[in-house]
Amino acid sequence: MALGIHLLVAGSEVQAKEGSQEDRIHVQYCNKNCTINEASSGCSKGCKCVFEGNNPQGICISISYLEDYPELDYEDPELNKASPRPLRN
C-alpha cells in the first residue's frame, strides 16, 4: 500500500481524498527528533523514525489505522456517560 504523508514539525497531516482508505490513517508527531549527529537515537515504543526527502534529521511519529469505526457523535449522551469523571477532593 502506498502512503503519501506530509509531515510538519509542530504536528502532522495526512493528505487523502475524501472517502478513501487513507482517511482512516492517523499520523501523530511523538514530540521527539530521532537523530543526533546524523545517527539514530531511537524513538519511544509505538513510534517510528522517519525522514522527509534528503533531510538527515528524522522525527518520531506514530501511525495508526483506525479500521472501520463509525464517525463519533460527540453529543451522544451515552458517550458523555462513558467520559472520565473529575476527581473529588
Protein backbone atom coordinates (compact mmCIF):
# COMPACT_ATOMS: atom_id res chain seq x y z
CA MET A 1 0.00 0.00 0.00
CA ALA A 2 1.43 3.38 -0.96
CA LEU A 3 1.10 6.09 1.63
CA GLY A 4 1.68 9.78 0.98
CA ILE A 5 2.30 11.71 4.18
CA HIS A 6 3.10 15.40 4.56
CA LEU A 7 4.90 15.95 7.88
CA LEU A 8 5.04 19.18 9.84
CA VAL A 9 7.35 19.80 12.80
CA ALA A 10 4.52 21.07 15.01
CA GLY A 11 2.22 18.18 14.09
CA SER A 12 1.26 16.12 11.14
CA GLU A 13 -1.29 15.92 8.41
CA VAL A 14 -2.37 13.10 6.13
CA GLN A 15 -3.34 14.19 2.64
CA ALA A 16 -6.08 11.99 1.21
CA LYS A 17 -9.18 12.25 -0.92
CA GLU A 18 -12.45 12.26 1.00
CA GLY A 19 -13.85 8.76 1.40
CA SER A 20 -10.58 7.00 0.59
CA GLN A 21 -8.90 4.35 2.75
CA GLU A 22 -6.13 6.80 3.65
CA ASP A 23 -8.53 8.97 5.66
CA ARG A 24 -8.60 6.20 8.25
CA ILE A 25 -4.88 6.57 8.93
CA HIS A 26 -3.86 8.75 11.88
CA VAL A 27 -0.30 10.12 11.97
CA GLN A 28 0.95 11.88 15.09
CA TYR A 29 4.27 13.55 15.95
CA CYS A 30 5.77 11.90 19.06
CA ASN A 31 7.50 15.10 20.31
CA LYS A 32 10.99 13.80 19.64
CA ASN A 33 13.66 14.01 16.97
CA CYS A 34 15.33 10.67 16.35
CA THR A 35 18.77 11.64 15.07
CA ILE A 36 21.80 13.10 16.85
CA ASN A 37 24.80 13.95 14.66
CA GLU A 38 23.11 12.03 11.81
CA ALA A 39 22.94 8.83 13.91
CA SER A 40 19.68 7.28 15.06
CA SER A 41 18.82 7.97 18.69
CA GLY A 42 15.68 5.83 18.55
CA CYS A 43 12.04 6.54 19.31
CA SER A 44 9.73 5.60 22.16
CA LYS A 45 7.58 2.48 21.93
CA GLY A 46 4.88 2.79 19.29
CA CYS A 47 6.76 5.46 17.32
CA LYS A 48 8.96 5.16 14.24
CA CYS A 49 11.80 7.35 12.97
CA VAL A 50 11.01 8.90 9.57
CA PHE A 51 12.87 11.25 7.25
CA GLU A 52 11.45 13.75 4.78
CA GLY A 53 13.23 13.80 1.43
CA ASN A 54 17.00 14.07 1.84
CA ASN A 55 16.80 15.71 5.27
CA PRO A 56 19.30 13.91 7.57
CA GLN A 57 17.26 14.85 10.67
CA GLY A 58 14.49 12.37 11.44
CA ILE A 59 11.42 12.78 13.62
CA CYS A 60 9.45 10.21 15.58
CA ILE A 61 5.85 9.60 14.52
CA SER A 62 3.17 7.06 15.31
CA ILE A 63 0.94 5.71 12.56
CA SER A 64 -2.41 4.14 13.44
CA TYR A 65 -5.00 2.55 11.19
CA LEU A 66 -8.44 3.43 12.53
CA GLU A 67 -10.24 0.50 10.85
CA ASP A 68 -13.93 0.83 10.04
CA TYR A 69 -15.25 2.58 13.13
CA PRO A 70 -18.26 4.82 12.58
CA GLU A 71 -17.94 8.57 12.98
CA LEU A 72 -18.44 9.61 16.61
CA ASP A 73 -21.37 11.78 17.61
CA TYR A 74 -19.80 13.88 20.37
CA GLU A 75 -23.27 14.95 21.54
CA ASP A 76 -24.34 11.33 22.18
CA PRO A 77 -25.45 11.06 25.85
CA GLU A 78 -24.04 7.52 26.05
CA LEU A 79 -20.61 8.83 25.07
CA ASN A 80 -20.85 11.52 27.75
CA LYS A 81 -21.73 8.87 30.36
CA ALA A 82 -18.55 6.97 29.43
CA SER A 83 -16.33 10.04 29.86
CA PRO A 84 -13.97 10.09 32.88
CA ARG A 85 -15.37 11.98 35.84
CA PRO A 86 -13.44 14.77 37.56
CA LEU A 87 -11.55 13.94 40.76
CA ARG A 88 -13.30 14.79 44.02
CA ASN A 89 -11.46 16.35 46.94
